[in-house]
Amino acid sequence: MGVPQRPWAEVREGTVFGFILYGIVALGVAWPLGRLLNVISNEDVRAPEQISLQRPALAVLVSVLFTVVVAPVAEELFFRGVLFLALRDRYGFGVATAGSAVGFAFVHWVPGGTLANLMIVVASAAMGIGLAILYESRKDILAPLAAHAAFNLLGLAVLVRTAI
């Protein structure tokens, strides 16, 4: 998985990448796909609620902890650190990127209607592709882990902002 020579530089680069990736995925993938699905289906297709802020404070705090720390660590260790590496070593970068992105996308499947799920799966696949590219270019797990945490943190901030 690689041990970074400069861990803080990897965290910084990963965090910046994660914020940029959020904009690309949200504005370049999820939003246009949502608009297209709205037109095709004649429905108001929205991403299903993944975290509720209408819960007790401790439940929200635990959800935030899982969203920003636990999920990025677990998912990056598996999808980039294990699956991507195994596929890359056997089949090359393209297959590894596609395979790890598809697995990553389907882990983010949220019950709530096929069109809403399609939007989540496609956006998560795009995120998975970005994280695989970052992992391959940085040669360690810390940068994509920081990017994933930053992506989720920004998504959480948007969720909180729209809920207010």
C-alpha atoms as a PDB file:
ATOM      1  CA  MET A   1       0.000   0.000   0.000  1.00  0.00           C
ATOM      2  CA  GLY A   2       2.970   2.277   0.407  1.00  0.00           C
ATOM      3  CA  VAL A   3       4.331   4.229   3.326  1.00  0.00           C
ATOM      4  CA  PRO A   4       4.464   7.933   2.568  1.00  0.00           C
ATOM      5  CA  GLN A   5       7.786   9.721   2.829  1.00  0.00           C
ATOM      6  CA  ARG A   6       5.984  12.972   3.663  1.00  0.00           C
ATOM      7  CA  PRO A   7       2.681  12.094   5.375  1.00  0.00           C
ATOM      8  CA  TRP A   8       1.460  15.679   5.886  1.00  0.00           C
ATOM      9  CA  ALA A   9       2.070  16.486   2.241  1.00  0.00           C
ATOM     10  CA  GLU A  10       0.005  13.425   1.285  1.00  0.00           C
ATOM     11  CA  VAL A  11      -2.802  14.512   3.614  1.00  0.00           C
ATOM     12  CA  ARG A  12      -2.719  18.044   2.212  1.00  0.00           C
ATOM     13  CA  GLU A  13      -2.671  16.897  -1.424  1.00  0.00           C
ATOM     14  CA  GLY A  14      -5.369  14.307  -0.765  1.00  0.00           C
ATOM     15  CA  THR A  15      -7.607  16.822   0.992  1.00  0.00           C
ATOM     16  CA  VAL A  16      -7.345  19.322  -1.862  1.00  0.00           C
ATOM     17  CA  PHE A  17      -7.980  16.533  -4.365  1.00  0.00           C
ATOM     18  CA  GLY A  18     -11.033  15.378  -2.383  1.00  0.00           C
ATOM     19  CA  PHE A  19     -12.583  18.854  -2.417  1.00  0.00           C
ATOM     20  CA  ILE A  20     -11.960  19.182  -6.165  1.00  0.00           C
ATOM     21  CA  LEU A  21     -13.274  15.669  -6.778  1.00  0.00           C
ATOM     22  CA  TYR A  22     -16.469  16.532  -4.903  1.00  0.00           C
ATOM     23  CA  GLY A  23     -17.088  19.429  -7.281  1.00  0.00           C
ATOM     24  CA  ILE A  24     -16.399  17.274 -10.328  1.00  0.00           C
ATOM     25  CA  VAL A  25     -18.652  14.440  -9.155  1.00  0.00           C
ATOM     26  CA  ALA A  26     -21.455  16.652  -7.834  1.00  0.00           C
ATOM     27  CA  LEU A  27     -21.553  19.181 -10.676  1.00  0.00           C
ATOM     28  CA  GLY A  28     -20.179  17.113 -13.541  1.00  0.00           C
ATOM     29  CA  VAL A  29     -21.807  13.735 -12.878  1.00  0.00           C
ATOM     30  CA  ALA A  30     -24.610  13.688 -10.287  1.00  0.00           C
ATOM     31  CA  TRP A  31     -26.325  16.979 -11.169  1.00  0.00           C
ATOM     32  CA  PRO A  32     -26.492  16.424 -14.961  1.00  0.00           C
ATOM     33  CA  LEU A  33     -27.524  12.799 -14.466  1.00  0.00           C
ATOM     34  CA  GLY A  34     -30.236  13.889 -12.019  1.00  0.00           C
ATOM     35  CA  ARG A  35     -31.556  16.454 -14.527  1.00  0.00           C
ATOM     36  CA  LEU A  36     -31.518  13.853 -17.310  1.00  0.00           C
ATOM     37  CA  LEU A  37     -33.355  11.320 -15.160  1.00  0.00           C
ATOM     38  CA  ASN A  38     -35.916  13.996 -14.228  1.00  0.00           C
ATOM     39  CA  VAL A  39     -36.627  14.658 -17.911  1.00  0.00           C
ATOM     40  CA  ILE A  40     -36.713  10.995 -18.909  1.00  0.00           C
ATOM     41  CA  SER A  41     -38.884   9.826 -16.024  1.00  0.00           C
ATOM     42  CA  ASN A  42     -41.005  12.944 -15.545  1.00  0.00           C
ATOM     43  CA  GLU A  43     -40.299  12.538 -11.798  1.00  0.00           C
ATOM     44  CA  ASP A  44     -38.319  14.555  -9.279  1.00  0.00           C
ATOM     45  CA  VAL A  45     -35.337  12.221  -8.930  1.00  0.00           C
ATOM     46  CA  ARG A  46     -33.211  13.020  -5.879  1.00  0.00           C
ATOM     47  CA  ALA A  47     -30.472  11.147  -4.108  1.00  0.00           C
ATOM     48  CA  PRO A  48     -31.921   9.168  -1.195  1.00  0.00           C
ATOM     49  CA  GLU A  49     -31.237  10.502   2.285  1.00  0.00           C
ATOM     50  CA  GLN A  50     -28.054   8.878   3.548  1.00  0.00           C
ATOM     51  CA  ILE A  51     -27.866  10.545   6.942  1.00  0.00           C
ATOM     52  CA  SER A  52     -30.625  12.164   8.960  1.00  0.00           C
ATOM     53  CA  LEU A  53     -29.946  15.286  10.980  1.00  0.00           C
ATOM     54  CA  GLN A  54     -33.291  14.875  12.731  1.00  0.00           C
ATOM     55  CA  ARG A  55     -31.827  12.444  15.251  1.00  0.00           C
ATOM     56  CA  PRO A  56     -30.431  12.819  18.769  1.00  0.00           C
ATOM     57  CA  ALA A  57     -27.114  14.695  18.917  1.00  0.00           C
ATOM     58  CA  LEU A  58     -25.126  11.575  19.857  1.00  0.00           C
ATOM     59  CA  ALA A  59     -26.533   9.690  16.854  1.00  0.00           C
ATOM     60  CA  VAL A  60     -25.595  12.569  14.552  1.00  0.00           C
ATOM     61  CA  LEU A  61     -22.102  12.721  16.075  1.00  0.00           C
ATOM     62  CA  VAL A  62     -21.587   8.982  15.557  1.00  0.00           C
ATOM     63  CA  SER A  63     -22.857   9.317  11.969  1.00  0.00           C
ATOM     64  CA  VAL A  64     -20.404  12.152  11.326  1.00  0.00           C
ATOM     65  CA  LEU A  65     -17.549  10.101  12.814  1.00  0.00           C
ATOM     66  CA  PHE A  66     -18.416   7.147  10.587  1.00  0.00           C
ATOM     67  CA  THR A  67     -18.835   9.377   7.524  1.00  0.00           C
ATOM     68  CA  VAL A  68     -15.567  11.275   7.893  1.00  0.00           C
ATOM     69  CA  VAL A  69     -13.271   8.732   9.580  1.00  0.00           C
ATOM     70  CA  VAL A  70     -14.443   5.114   9.726  1.00  0.00           C
ATOM     71  CA  ALA A  71     -15.904   4.746   6.217  1.00  0.00           C
ATOM     72  CA  PRO A  72     -12.959   6.404   4.413  1.00  0.00           C
ATOM     73  CA  VAL A  73     -10.419   4.277   6.305  1.00  0.00           C
ATOM     74  CA  ALA A  74     -12.262   0.990   5.800  1.00  0.00           C
ATOM     75  CA  GLU A  75     -13.225   1.669   2.192  1.00  0.00           C
ATOM     76  CA  GLU A  76      -9.812   2.930   1.099  1.00  0.00           C
ATOM     77  CA  LEU A  77      -7.990   0.041   2.747  1.00  0.00           C
ATOM     78  CA  PHE A  78     -10.222  -2.423   0.933  1.00  0.00           C
ATOM     79  CA  PHE A  79     -11.035  -0.801  -2.421  1.00  0.00           C
ATOM     80  CA  ARG A  80      -7.666   0.820  -3.158  1.00  0.00           C
ATOM     81  CA  GLY A  81      -5.313  -1.027  -0.789  1.00  0.00           C
ATOM     82  CA  VAL A  82      -6.544  -4.563  -1.522  1.00  0.00           C
ATOM     83  CA  LEU A  83      -8.904  -4.791  -4.517  1.00  0.00           C
ATOM     84  CA  PHE A  84      -7.256  -2.175  -6.747  1.00  0.00           C
ATOM     85  CA  LEU A  85      -3.761  -3.545  -6.069  1.00  0.00           C
ATOM     86  CA  ALA A  86      -4.794  -7.145  -6.670  1.00  0.00           C
ATOM     87  CA  LEU A  87      -6.503  -6.274  -9.947  1.00  0.00           C
ATOM     88  CA  ARG A  88      -3.707  -3.946 -11.090  1.00  0.00           C
ATOM     89  CA  ASP A  89      -1.035  -6.554 -10.442  1.00  0.00           C
ATOM     90  CA  ARG A  90      -2.977  -9.146 -12.457  1.00  0.00           C
ATOM     91  CA  TYR A  91      -4.746  -7.155 -15.184  1.00  0.00           C
ATOM     92  CA  GLY A  92      -3.342  -3.633 -15.280  1.00  0.00           C
ATOM     93  CA  PHE A  93      -4.418  -0.152 -14.306  1.00  0.00           C
ATOM     94  CA  GLY A  94      -7.576   0.104 -16.441  1.00  0.00           C
ATOM     95  CA  VAL A  95      -9.186  -3.094 -15.175  1.00  0.00           C
ATOM     96  CA  ALA A  96      -8.141  -2.267 -11.613  1.00  0.00           C
ATOM     97  CA  THR A  97      -9.654   1.203 -11.826  1.00  0.00           C
ATOM     98  CA  ALA A  98     -12.905  -0.067 -13.327  1.00  0.00           C
ATOM     99  CA  GLY A  99     -13.186  -3.048 -10.980  1.00  0.00           C
ATOM    100  CA  SER A 100     -12.497  -1.114  -7.797  1.00  0.00           C
ATOM    101  CA  ALA A 101     -14.825   1.708  -8.924  1.00  0.00           C
ATOM    102  CA  VAL A 102     -17.697  -0.707  -9.646  1.00  0.00           C
ATOM    103  CA  GLY A 103     -17.261  -2.421  -6.281  1.00  0.00           C
ATOM    104  CA  PHE A 104     -17.060   0.945  -4.548  1.00  0.00           C
ATOM    105  CA  ALA A 105     -20.195   2.143  -6.346  1.00  0.00           C
ATOM    106  CA  PHE A 106     -22.328  -0.812  -5.348  1.00  0.00           C
ATOM    107  CA  VAL A 107     -21.287  -0.566  -1.706  1.00  0.00           C
ATOM    108  CA  HIS A 108     -22.941   2.868  -1.791  1.00  0.00           C
ATOM    109  CA  TRP A 109     -26.257   1.525  -3.101  1.00  0.00           C
ATOM    110  CA  VAL A 110     -29.045   2.964  -0.961  1.00  0.00           C
ATOM    111  CA  PRO A 111     -32.542   1.471  -1.140  1.00  0.00           C
ATOM    112  CA  GLY A 112     -35.014   4.060  -2.307  1.00  0.00           C
ATOM    113  CA  GLY A 113     -35.964   3.706  -5.943  1.00  0.00           C
ATOM    114  CA  THR A 114     -34.045   2.600  -8.983  1.00  0.00           C
ATOM    115  CA  LEU A 115     -33.488   6.048 -10.500  1.00  0.00           C
ATOM    116  CA  ALA A 116     -32.205   7.532  -7.241  1.00  0.00           C
ATOM    117  CA  ASN A 117     -29.968   4.502  -6.814  1.00  0.00           C
ATOM    118  CA  LEU A 118     -28.669   4.884 -10.345  1.00  0.00           C
ATOM    119  CA  MET A 119     -27.578   8.436  -9.521  1.00  0.00           C
ATOM    120  CA  ILE A 120     -25.782   7.278  -6.321  1.00  0.00           C
ATOM    121  CA  VAL A 121     -24.085   4.358  -8.083  1.00  0.00           C
ATOM    122  CA  VAL A 122     -22.862   6.420 -11.037  1.00  0.00           C
ATOM    123  CA  ALA A 123     -21.593   9.242  -8.798  1.00  0.00           C
ATOM    124  CA  SER A 124     -19.854   6.747  -6.499  1.00  0.00           C
ATOM    125  CA  ALA A 125     -18.244   5.038  -9.491  1.00  0.00           C
ATOM    126  CA  ALA A 126     -16.916   8.413 -10.665  1.00  0.00           C
ATOM    127  CA  MET A 127     -15.551   9.039  -7.179  1.00  0.00           C
ATOM    128  CA  GLY A 128     -13.965   5.569  -7.174  1.00  0.00           C
ATOM    129  CA  ILE A 129     -12.250   6.286 -10.492  1.00  0.00           C
ATOM    130  CA  GLY A 130     -10.851   9.547  -9.122  1.00  0.00           C
ATOM    131  CA  LEU A 131      -9.588   7.869  -5.955  1.00  0.00           C
ATOM    132  CA  ALA A 132      -7.958   5.066  -7.967  1.00  0.00           C
ATOM    133  CA  ILE A 133      -6.154   7.609 -10.142  1.00  0.00           C
ATOM    134  CA  LEU A 134      -4.967   9.459  -7.042  1.00  0.00           C
ATOM    135  CA  TYR A 135      -3.803   6.214  -5.430  1.00  0.00           C
ATOM    136  CA  GLU A 136      -1.882   5.181  -8.526  1.00  0.00           C
ATOM    137  CA  SER A 137      -0.252   8.597  -8.908  1.00  0.00           C
ATOM    138  CA  ARG A 138       0.711   9.033  -5.229  1.00  0.00           C
ATOM    139  CA  LYS A 139       1.739   5.398  -4.619  1.00  0.00           C
ATOM    140  CA  ASP A 140       0.380   5.324  -1.068  1.00  0.00           C
ATOM    141  CA  ILE A 141      -2.978   4.989   0.663  1.00  0.00           C
ATOM    142  CA  LEU A 142      -2.831   8.177   2.733  1.00  0.00           C
ATOM    143  CA  ALA A 143      -3.664  10.613  -0.085  1.00  0.00           C
ATOM    144  CA  PRO A 144      -6.825   8.797  -1.251  1.00  0.00           C
ATOM    145  CA  LEU A 145      -7.844   8.276   2.364  1.00  0.00           C
ATOM    146  CA  ALA A 146      -7.577  12.022   3.012  1.00  0.00           C
ATOM    147  CA  ALA A 147      -9.364  12.736  -0.285  1.00  0.00           C
ATOM    148  CA  HIS A 148     -12.203  10.386   0.651  1.00  0.00           C
ATOM    149  CA  ALA A 149     -12.547  11.995   4.094  1.00  0.00           C
ATOM    150  CA  ALA A 150     -12.521  15.498   2.558  1.00  0.00           C
ATOM    151  CA  PHE A 151     -15.094  14.453  -0.063  1.00  0.00           C
ATOM    152  CA  ASN A 152     -17.401  13.080   2.643  1.00  0.00           C
ATOM    153  CA  LEU A 153     -16.853  16.114   4.873  1.00  0.00           C
ATOM    154  CA  LEU A 154     -17.788  18.492   2.076  1.00  0.00           C
ATOM    155  CA  GLY A 155     -20.820  16.363   1.225  1.00  0.00           C
ATOM    156  CA  LEU A 156     -21.846  16.458   4.865  1.00  0.00           C
ATOM    157  CA  ALA A 157     -21.416  20.245   4.958  1.00  0.00           C
ATOM    158  CA  VAL A 158     -23.648  20.571   1.883  1.00  0.00           C
ATOM    159  CA  LEU A 159     -26.230  18.297   3.509  1.00  0.00           C
ATOM    160  CA  VAL A 160     -26.230  20.359   6.712  1.00  0.00           C
ATOM    161  CA  ARG A 161     -26.411  23.622   4.732  1.00  0.00           C
ATOM    162  CA  THR A 162     -29.402  22.441   2.696  1.00  0.00           C
ATOM    163  CA  ALA A 163     -31.162  21.137   5.815  1.00  0.00           C
ATOM    164  CA  ILE A 164     -31.009  24.532   7.546  1.00  0.00           C
END
